[in-house]
Amino acid sequence: MHYVYVLAEKASQRRYIGLTSDLRRRIAEHTRGSGSRSTASGSWRLVYYEAFADKQDAATRERRLKHDGRARYQLMRRIEGSLAGQE
């Protein structure tokens, strides 16, 4: 499986969109500060993910979320409760 995921930084409410084949390992890396330059500092939490059987489908979705403002806006509206910290 391949995963497209969204992290939120607790203090600043920054968001990070990523792609991985091992979601647990990747989240642990972000939590330790070794995930990416964008998530090197702060307290990040997983707020959303999508699973794909095909890597290319996952990569296409990640690219769309990162570069298509409308797609990103629609997703953020859909998960706004999770972004606010509601369960």
N, C-alpha and C. Protein backbone atom coordinates (compact mmCIF):
# COMPACT_ATOMS: atom_id res chain seq x y z
N MET A 1 0.84 -1.19 0.00
CA MET A 1 0.00 0.00 0.00
C MET A 1 0.89 1.25 0.00
N HIS A 2 0.34 2.30 -0.54
CA HIS A 2 1.00 3.60 -0.56
C HIS A 2 0.03 4.62 0.03
N TYR A 3 0.57 5.55 0.79
CA TYR A 3 -0.26 6.47 1.55
C TYR A 3 0.09 7.92 1.23
N VAL A 4 -0.95 8.72 1.07
CA VAL A 4 -0.81 10.17 1.02
C VAL A 4 -1.35 10.64 2.36
N TYR A 5 -0.60 11.48 3.05
CA TYR A 5 -0.99 11.85 4.41
C TYR A 5 -0.85 13.35 4.63
N VAL A 6 -1.57 13.81 5.66
CA VAL A 6 -1.51 15.22 6.04
C VAL A 6 -1.14 15.27 7.52
N LEU A 7 -0.11 16.06 7.82
CA LEU A 7 0.30 16.33 9.19
C LEU A 7 -0.05 17.77 9.53
N ALA A 8 -0.34 18.02 10.79
CA ALA A 8 -0.57 19.39 11.26
C ALA A 8 0.37 19.64 12.43
N GLU A 9 0.97 20.82 12.44
CA GLU A 9 1.84 21.22 13.54
C GLU A 9 0.97 21.91 14.57
N LYS A 10 1.06 21.47 15.82
CA LYS A 10 0.12 21.91 16.85
C LYS A 10 0.17 23.40 17.14
N ALA A 11 1.32 23.97 17.30
CA ALA A 11 1.42 25.38 17.70
C ALA A 11 1.05 26.34 16.58
N SER A 12 1.60 26.14 15.40
CA SER A 12 1.41 27.12 14.32
C SER A 12 0.32 26.73 13.34
N GLN A 13 -0.21 25.52 13.44
CA GLN A 13 -1.20 24.99 12.50
C GLN A 13 -0.67 24.89 11.07
N ARG A 14 0.66 24.79 10.92
CA ARG A 14 1.23 24.50 9.60
C ARG A 14 0.79 23.11 9.20
N ARG A 15 0.76 22.86 7.90
CA ARG A 15 0.37 21.56 7.38
C ARG A 15 1.45 21.02 6.46
N TYR A 16 1.55 19.71 6.41
CA TYR A 16 2.51 19.05 5.55
C TYR A 16 1.81 17.89 4.85
N ILE A 17 1.97 17.78 3.55
CA ILE A 17 1.40 16.70 2.76
C ILE A 17 2.54 15.83 2.27
N GLY A 18 2.44 14.52 2.49
CA GLY A 18 3.51 13.63 2.09
C GLY A 18 3.00 12.33 1.49
N LEU A 19 3.95 11.52 1.05
CA LEU A 19 3.68 10.24 0.41
C LEU A 19 4.66 9.21 0.96
N THR A 20 4.17 8.01 1.28
CA THR A 20 5.04 6.96 1.80
C THR A 20 4.42 5.60 1.56
N SER A 21 5.24 4.56 1.65
CA SER A 21 4.73 3.19 1.60
C SER A 21 4.68 2.58 3.00
N ASP A 22 5.23 3.27 3.99
CA ASP A 22 5.22 2.79 5.37
C ASP A 22 4.81 3.96 6.27
N LEU A 23 3.53 4.09 6.48
CA LEU A 23 2.98 5.25 7.18
C LEU A 23 3.50 5.36 8.62
N ARG A 24 3.51 4.28 9.35
CA ARG A 24 3.96 4.32 10.75
C ARG A 24 5.41 4.78 10.87
N ARG A 25 6.27 4.22 10.02
CA ARG A 25 7.69 4.62 10.06
C ARG A 25 7.85 6.09 9.71
N ARG A 26 7.13 6.53 8.68
CA ARG A 26 7.26 7.92 8.22
C ARG A 26 6.77 8.90 9.28
N ILE A 27 5.67 8.60 9.94
CA ILE A 27 5.16 9.47 11.00
C ILE A 27 6.17 9.53 12.14
N ALA A 28 6.75 8.38 12.49
CA ALA A 28 7.78 8.35 13.54
C ALA A 28 8.97 9.22 13.17
N GLU A 29 9.38 9.19 11.90
CA GLU A 29 10.48 10.04 11.44
C GLU A 29 10.14 11.52 11.60
N HIS A 30 8.94 11.89 11.20
CA HIS A 30 8.53 13.29 11.35
C HIS A 30 8.51 13.69 12.82
N THR A 31 8.02 12.80 13.67
CA THR A 31 7.93 13.08 15.10
C THR A 31 9.31 13.29 15.71
N ARG A 32 10.30 12.51 15.25
CA ARG A 32 11.67 12.66 15.73
C ARG A 32 12.37 13.87 15.14
N GLY A 33 11.78 14.48 14.12
CA GLY A 33 12.41 15.63 13.49
C GLY A 33 13.31 15.27 12.33
N SER A 34 13.27 14.00 11.91
CA SER A 34 14.11 13.58 10.79
C SER A 34 13.30 13.27 9.54
N GLY A 35 12.06 13.72 9.51
CA GLY A 35 11.19 13.41 8.38
C GLY A 35 11.49 14.18 7.13
N SER A 36 11.55 15.47 7.22
CA SER A 36 11.87 16.33 6.08
C SER A 36 12.28 17.69 6.62
N ARG A 37 12.84 18.50 5.77
CA ARG A 37 13.24 19.84 6.20
C ARG A 37 12.02 20.64 6.69
N SER A 38 10.89 20.44 6.05
CA SER A 38 9.67 21.16 6.40
C SER A 38 9.15 20.80 7.78
N THR A 39 9.42 19.58 8.24
CA THR A 39 8.90 19.14 9.53
C THR A 39 10.00 18.92 10.56
N ALA A 40 11.16 19.52 10.35
CA ALA A 40 12.30 19.30 11.23
C ALA A 40 12.05 19.80 12.65
N SER A 41 11.20 20.77 12.81
CA SER A 41 10.92 21.28 14.15
C SER A 41 9.41 21.32 14.36
N GLY A 42 9.01 21.30 15.60
CA GLY A 42 7.59 21.38 15.92
C GLY A 42 7.04 20.04 16.36
N SER A 43 5.81 20.07 16.76
CA SER A 43 5.11 18.88 17.25
C SER A 43 4.02 18.53 16.23
N TRP A 44 4.29 17.54 15.41
CA TRP A 44 3.41 17.18 14.31
C TRP A 44 2.49 16.04 14.69
N ARG A 45 1.27 16.05 14.14
CA ARG A 45 0.34 14.95 14.35
C ARG A 45 -0.34 14.61 13.04
N LEU A 46 -0.63 13.34 12.87
CA LEU A 46 -1.33 12.86 11.68
C LEU A 46 -2.79 13.25 11.80
N VAL A 47 -3.33 13.93 10.77
CA VAL A 47 -4.73 14.31 10.80
C VAL A 47 -5.54 13.65 9.69
N TYR A 48 -4.86 13.07 8.69
CA TYR A 48 -5.60 12.48 7.57
C TYR A 48 -4.66 11.63 6.74
N TYR A 49 -5.18 10.55 6.17
CA TYR A 49 -4.42 9.80 5.17
C TYR A 49 -5.36 9.10 4.21
N GLU A 50 -4.86 8.81 3.04
CA GLU A 50 -5.56 8.04 2.01
C GLU A 50 -4.64 6.90 1.61
N ALA A 51 -5.21 5.71 1.39
CA ALA A 51 -4.43 4.53 1.00
C ALA A 51 -4.68 4.20 -0.47
N PHE A 52 -3.61 3.85 -1.16
CA PHE A 52 -3.67 3.50 -2.58
C PHE A 52 -2.92 2.20 -2.80
N ALA A 53 -3.46 1.33 -3.63
CA ALA A 53 -2.76 0.09 -3.99
C ALA A 53 -1.66 0.38 -4.99
N ASP A 54 -1.83 1.39 -5.82
CA ASP A 54 -0.88 1.72 -6.87
C ASP A 54 -0.06 2.95 -6.51
N LYS A 55 1.25 2.83 -6.61
CA LYS A 55 2.14 3.94 -6.24
C LYS A 55 1.91 5.17 -7.12
N GLN A 56 1.69 4.97 -8.40
CA GLN A 56 1.48 6.09 -9.31
C GLN A 56 0.20 6.86 -8.96
N ASP A 57 -0.85 6.15 -8.57
CA ASP A 57 -2.08 6.82 -8.16
C ASP A 57 -1.83 7.69 -6.93
N ALA A 58 -1.07 7.16 -5.98
CA ALA A 58 -0.75 7.91 -4.76
C ALA A 58 0.09 9.14 -5.10
N ALA A 59 1.07 8.98 -5.98
CA ALA A 59 1.93 10.10 -6.37
C ALA A 59 1.13 11.18 -7.09
N THR A 60 0.20 10.77 -7.93
CA THR A 60 -0.66 11.73 -8.64
C THR A 60 -1.51 12.51 -7.65
N ARG A 61 -2.07 11.83 -6.65
CA ARG A 61 -2.90 12.50 -5.64
C ARG A 61 -2.06 13.47 -4.81
N GLU A 62 -0.86 13.05 -4.39
CA GLU A 62 0.00 13.93 -3.61
C GLU A 62 0.35 15.19 -4.42
N ARG A 63 0.71 15.00 -5.66
CA ARG A 63 1.08 16.13 -6.52
C ARG A 63 -0.10 17.09 -6.68
N ARG A 64 -1.30 16.53 -6.86
CA ARG A 64 -2.49 17.37 -6.99
C ARG A 64 -2.74 18.17 -5.71
N LEU A 65 -2.61 17.53 -4.56
CA LEU A 65 -2.83 18.24 -3.29
C LEU A 65 -1.79 19.33 -3.05
N LYS A 66 -0.56 19.08 -3.49
CA LYS A 66 0.51 20.06 -3.27
C LYS A 66 0.46 21.22 -4.25
N HIS A 67 -0.02 20.98 -5.47
CA HIS A 67 0.09 22.00 -6.52
C HIS A 67 -1.23 22.54 -7.05
N ASP A 68 -2.34 21.93 -6.67
CA ASP A 68 -3.65 22.39 -7.12
C ASP A 68 -4.39 22.98 -5.93
N GLY A 69 -4.46 24.29 -5.90
CA GLY A 69 -5.06 24.98 -4.76
C GLY A 69 -6.49 24.55 -4.48
N ARG A 70 -7.25 24.29 -5.52
CA ARG A 70 -8.65 23.88 -5.33
C ARG A 70 -8.74 22.51 -4.65
N ALA A 71 -7.93 21.57 -5.09
CA ALA A 71 -7.93 20.23 -4.48
C ALA A 71 -7.51 20.31 -3.01
N ARG A 72 -6.46 21.10 -2.73
CA ARG A 72 -5.99 21.26 -1.35
C ARG A 72 -7.07 21.93 -0.50
N TYR A 73 -7.69 22.98 -1.03
CA TYR A 73 -8.74 23.69 -0.31
C TYR A 73 -9.89 22.74 0.03
N GLN A 74 -10.33 21.93 -0.93
CA GLN A 74 -11.44 21.02 -0.68
C GLN A 74 -11.10 20.00 0.39
N LEU A 75 -9.88 19.47 0.36
CA LEU A 75 -9.47 18.52 1.39
C LEU A 75 -9.41 19.19 2.76
N MET A 76 -8.82 20.36 2.83
CA MET A 76 -8.70 21.04 4.12
C MET A 76 -10.08 21.39 4.69
N ARG A 77 -11.02 21.73 3.85
CA ARG A 77 -12.39 21.97 4.32
C ARG A 77 -13.00 20.69 4.87
N ARG A 78 -12.74 19.58 4.18
CA ARG A 78 -13.31 18.31 4.60
C ARG A 78 -12.77 17.85 5.95
N ILE A 79 -11.51 18.20 6.26
CA ILE A 79 -10.88 17.73 7.50
C ILE A 79 -10.68 18.83 8.52
N GLU A 80 -11.40 19.95 8.39
CA GLU A 80 -11.16 21.09 9.27
C GLU A 80 -11.37 20.74 10.74
N GLY A 81 -12.27 19.83 11.06
CA GLY A 81 -12.45 19.41 12.45
C GLY A 81 -11.21 18.72 12.99
N SER A 82 -10.59 17.89 12.19
CA SER A 82 -9.35 17.21 12.59
C SER A 82 -8.20 18.20 12.74
N LEU A 83 -8.17 19.19 11.86
CA LEU A 83 -7.11 20.21 11.93
C LEU A 83 -7.24 21.04 13.20
N ALA A 84 -8.46 21.22 13.66
CA ALA A 84 -8.69 22.01 14.88
C ALA A 84 -8.43 21.19 16.14
N GLY A 85 -8.17 19.91 15.99
CA GLY A 85 -7.86 19.07 17.14
C GLY A 85 -9.06 18.34 17.70
N GLN A 86 -10.19 18.41 17.02
CA GLN A 86 -11.38 17.69 17.47
C GLN A 86 -11.25 16.23 17.12
N GLU A 87 -11.81 15.39 17.93
CA GLU A 87 -11.77 13.94 17.67
C GLU A 87 -13.06 13.51 17.05
